[in-house]
Amino acid sequence: MPDKNEIERRKQIKRELREKARLEFEQSLPISRVDFQNLFDFLDEKLSNQECDDYLTFTYEFLEKNEFKNIEEIENWLKNNGGYCDCEVLYNVEEMFDQDSIL
């Protein structure tokens, strides 16, 4: 059984790894967290009235309406993180923004 110092060292390593993962996640974002939250809210509202068409239809609508210049970068980021259509952006990508998921 590890002694107190070893247990504390392991805890510190875990904290450092979680912080590194959080920073890497933040740096990978093509738009701000606030913009992502606004996108999630927009998609939630749209998809409560209409079914997902298996495309990023409403995502594109949001990005164009808000005049994002890096739409292709955002699309690639979403797809690389499980968001191939509007409902997947909500179910897969939004979940990543839960602190427990990235830490």
C-alpha atoms as a PDB file:
ATOM      1  CA  MET A   1       0.000   0.000   0.000  1.00  0.00           C
ATOM      2  CA  PRO A   2       1.403   3.419  -0.953  1.00  0.00           C
ATOM      3  CA  ASP A   3       2.391   5.777   1.824  1.00  0.00           C
ATOM      4  CA  LYS A   4       0.879   9.254   2.369  1.00  0.00           C
ATOM      5  CA  ASN A   5       3.485  10.989   0.227  1.00  0.00           C
ATOM      6  CA  GLU A   6       2.878   8.634  -2.680  1.00  0.00           C
ATOM      7  CA  ILE A   7      -0.896   9.065  -2.423  1.00  0.00           C
ATOM      8  CA  GLU A   8      -0.515  12.851  -2.427  1.00  0.00           C
ATOM      9  CA  ARG A   9       1.908  12.697  -5.374  1.00  0.00           C
ATOM     10  CA  ARG A  10      -0.609  10.631  -7.368  1.00  0.00           C
ATOM     11  CA  LYS A  11      -3.394  13.084  -6.551  1.00  0.00           C
ATOM     12  CA  GLN A  12      -1.216  15.967  -7.722  1.00  0.00           C
ATOM     13  CA  ILE A  13      -0.440  14.170 -10.987  1.00  0.00           C
ATOM     14  CA  LYS A  14      -4.172  13.599 -11.566  1.00  0.00           C
ATOM     15  CA  ARG A  15      -4.919  17.288 -10.904  1.00  0.00           C
ATOM     16  CA  GLU A  16      -2.194  18.333 -13.333  1.00  0.00           C
ATOM     17  CA  LEU A  17      -3.468  15.972 -16.024  1.00  0.00           C
ATOM     18  CA  ARG A  18      -7.039  17.242 -15.603  1.00  0.00           C
ATOM     19  CA  GLU A  19      -5.851  20.843 -15.854  1.00  0.00           C
ATOM     20  CA  LYS A  20      -3.796  20.036 -18.954  1.00  0.00           C
ATOM     21  CA  ALA A  21      -6.822  18.357 -20.575  1.00  0.00           C
ATOM     22  CA  ARG A  22      -8.995  21.360 -19.722  1.00  0.00           C
ATOM     23  CA  LEU A  23      -6.491  23.800 -21.222  1.00  0.00           C
ATOM     24  CA  GLU A  24      -6.091  21.718 -24.381  1.00  0.00           C
ATOM     25  CA  PHE A  25      -9.861  21.573 -24.766  1.00  0.00           C
ATOM     26  CA  GLU A  26     -10.191  25.353 -24.330  1.00  0.00           C
ATOM     27  CA  GLN A  27      -7.420  26.022 -26.832  1.00  0.00           C
ATOM     28  CA  SER A  28      -9.018  23.718 -29.400  1.00  0.00           C
ATOM     29  CA  LEU A  29     -12.299  25.675 -29.461  1.00  0.00           C
ATOM     30  CA  PRO A  30     -12.888  27.505 -32.755  1.00  0.00           C
ATOM     31  CA  ILE A  31     -15.361  29.890 -31.072  1.00  0.00           C
ATOM     32  CA  SER A  32     -15.869  31.040 -27.506  1.00  0.00           C
ATOM     33  CA  ARG A  33     -17.703  29.053 -24.847  1.00  0.00           C
ATOM     34  CA  VAL A  34     -20.370  31.766 -24.843  1.00  0.00           C
ATOM     35  CA  ASP A  35     -20.872  31.337 -28.589  1.00  0.00           C
ATOM     36  CA  PHE A  36     -21.116  27.571 -28.149  1.00  0.00           C
ATOM     37  CA  GLN A  37     -23.702  28.011 -25.403  1.00  0.00           C
ATOM     38  CA  ASN A  38     -25.687  30.327 -27.674  1.00  0.00           C
ATOM     39  CA  LEU A  39     -25.457  27.717 -30.451  1.00  0.00           C
ATOM     40  CA  PHE A  40     -26.689  24.985 -28.094  1.00  0.00           C
ATOM     41  CA  ASP A  41     -29.604  27.167 -26.963  1.00  0.00           C
ATOM     42  CA  PHE A  42     -30.471  27.975 -30.581  1.00  0.00           C
ATOM     43  CA  LEU A  43     -30.370  24.294 -31.582  1.00  0.00           C
ATOM     44  CA  ASP A  44     -32.418  23.278 -28.558  1.00  0.00           C
ATOM     45  CA  GLU A  45     -35.126  25.749 -29.511  1.00  0.00           C
ATOM     46  CA  LYS A  46     -35.112  24.793 -33.198  1.00  0.00           C
ATOM     47  CA  LEU A  47     -35.109  21.051 -32.536  1.00  0.00           C
ATOM     48  CA  SER A  48     -37.968  21.326 -30.067  1.00  0.00           C
ATOM     49  CA  ASN A  49     -40.163  22.428 -32.994  1.00  0.00           C
ATOM     50  CA  GLN A  50     -38.654  20.432 -35.860  1.00  0.00           C
ATOM     51  CA  GLU A  51     -36.936  17.093 -36.301  1.00  0.00           C
ATOM     52  CA  CYS A  52     -33.246  16.873 -37.112  1.00  0.00           C
ATOM     53  CA  ASP A  53     -32.670  16.419 -40.843  1.00  0.00           C
ATOM     54  CA  ASP A  54     -29.335  14.643 -40.241  1.00  0.00           C
ATOM     55  CA  TYR A  55     -27.383  17.695 -41.393  1.00  0.00           C
ATOM     56  CA  LEU A  56     -26.003  20.802 -39.723  1.00  0.00           C
ATOM     57  CA  THR A  57     -28.849  22.883 -41.138  1.00  0.00           C
ATOM     58  CA  PHE A  58     -29.649  24.894 -38.007  1.00  0.00           C
ATOM     59  CA  THR A  59     -25.982  25.084 -37.024  1.00  0.00           C
ATOM     60  CA  TYR A  60     -25.207  26.741 -40.365  1.00  0.00           C
ATOM     61  CA  GLU A  61     -28.186  29.039 -39.903  1.00  0.00           C
ATOM     62  CA  PHE A  62     -26.845  30.123 -36.506  1.00  0.00           C
ATOM     63  CA  LEU A  63     -23.280  30.590 -37.772  1.00  0.00           C
ATOM     64  CA  GLU A  64     -24.353  32.605 -40.819  1.00  0.00           C
ATOM     65  CA  LYS A  65     -26.854  34.687 -38.846  1.00  0.00           C
ATOM     66  CA  ASN A  66     -24.096  35.592 -36.383  1.00  0.00           C
ATOM     67  CA  GLU A  67     -21.608  36.252 -39.198  1.00  0.00           C
ATOM     68  CA  PHE A  68     -18.915  33.799 -38.162  1.00  0.00           C
ATOM     69  CA  LYS A  69     -16.047  33.909 -40.636  1.00  0.00           C
ATOM     70  CA  ASN A  70     -14.552  30.498 -39.801  1.00  0.00           C
ATOM     71  CA  ILE A  71     -17.570  28.320 -40.566  1.00  0.00           C
ATOM     72  CA  GLU A  72     -15.489  25.539 -42.154  1.00  0.00           C
ATOM     73  CA  GLU A  73     -13.177  25.412 -39.126  1.00  0.00           C
ATOM     74  CA  ILE A  74     -16.186  25.260 -36.783  1.00  0.00           C
ATOM     75  CA  GLU A  75     -17.816  22.540 -38.902  1.00  0.00           C
ATOM     76  CA  ASN A  76     -14.627  20.460 -38.872  1.00  0.00           C
ATOM     77  CA  TRP A  77     -14.274  20.886 -35.117  1.00  0.00           C
ATOM     78  CA  LEU A  78     -17.884  19.844 -34.550  1.00  0.00           C
ATOM     79  CA  LYS A  79     -17.519  16.763 -36.746  1.00  0.00           C
ATOM     80  CA  ASN A  80     -14.218  15.803 -35.101  1.00  0.00           C
ATOM     81  CA  ASN A  81     -16.067  15.911 -31.791  1.00  0.00           C
ATOM     82  CA  GLY A  82     -19.138  13.892 -32.772  1.00  0.00           C
ATOM     83  CA  GLY A  83     -21.349  16.660 -34.162  1.00  0.00           C
ATOM     84  CA  TYR A  84     -22.265  15.479 -37.666  1.00  0.00           C
ATOM     85  CA  CYS A  85     -25.788  16.870 -37.516  1.00  0.00           C
ATOM     86  CA  ASP A  86     -27.714  19.320 -35.363  1.00  0.00           C
ATOM     87  CA  CYS A  87     -28.982  16.760 -32.857  1.00  0.00           C
ATOM     88  CA  GLU A  88     -25.498  15.264 -32.471  1.00  0.00           C
ATOM     89  CA  VAL A  89     -24.129  18.733 -31.768  1.00  0.00           C
ATOM     90  CA  LEU A  90     -26.578  18.895 -28.874  1.00  0.00           C
ATOM     91  CA  TYR A  91     -26.104  15.341 -27.640  1.00  0.00           C
ATOM     92  CA  ASN A  92     -22.385  14.829 -28.191  1.00  0.00           C
ATOM     93  CA  VAL A  93     -20.713  18.212 -28.315  1.00  0.00           C
ATOM     94  CA  GLU A  94     -22.703  20.000 -25.638  1.00  0.00           C
ATOM     95  CA  GLU A  95     -21.849  17.185 -23.241  1.00  0.00           C
ATOM     96  CA  MET A  96     -18.144  17.995 -23.679  1.00  0.00           C
ATOM     97  CA  PHE A  97     -18.730  21.383 -22.106  1.00  0.00           C
ATOM     98  CA  ASP A  98     -19.748  19.753 -18.853  1.00  0.00           C
ATOM     99  CA  GLN A  99     -16.672  20.280 -16.656  1.00  0.00           C
ATOM    100  CA  ASP A 100     -16.730  16.675 -15.451  1.00  0.00           C
ATOM    101  CA  SER A 101     -16.564  15.398 -19.028  1.00  0.00           C
ATOM    102  CA  ILE A 102     -13.357  17.184 -19.931  1.00  0.00           C
ATOM    103  CA  LEU A 103     -11.665  16.812 -16.598  1.00  0.00           C
END
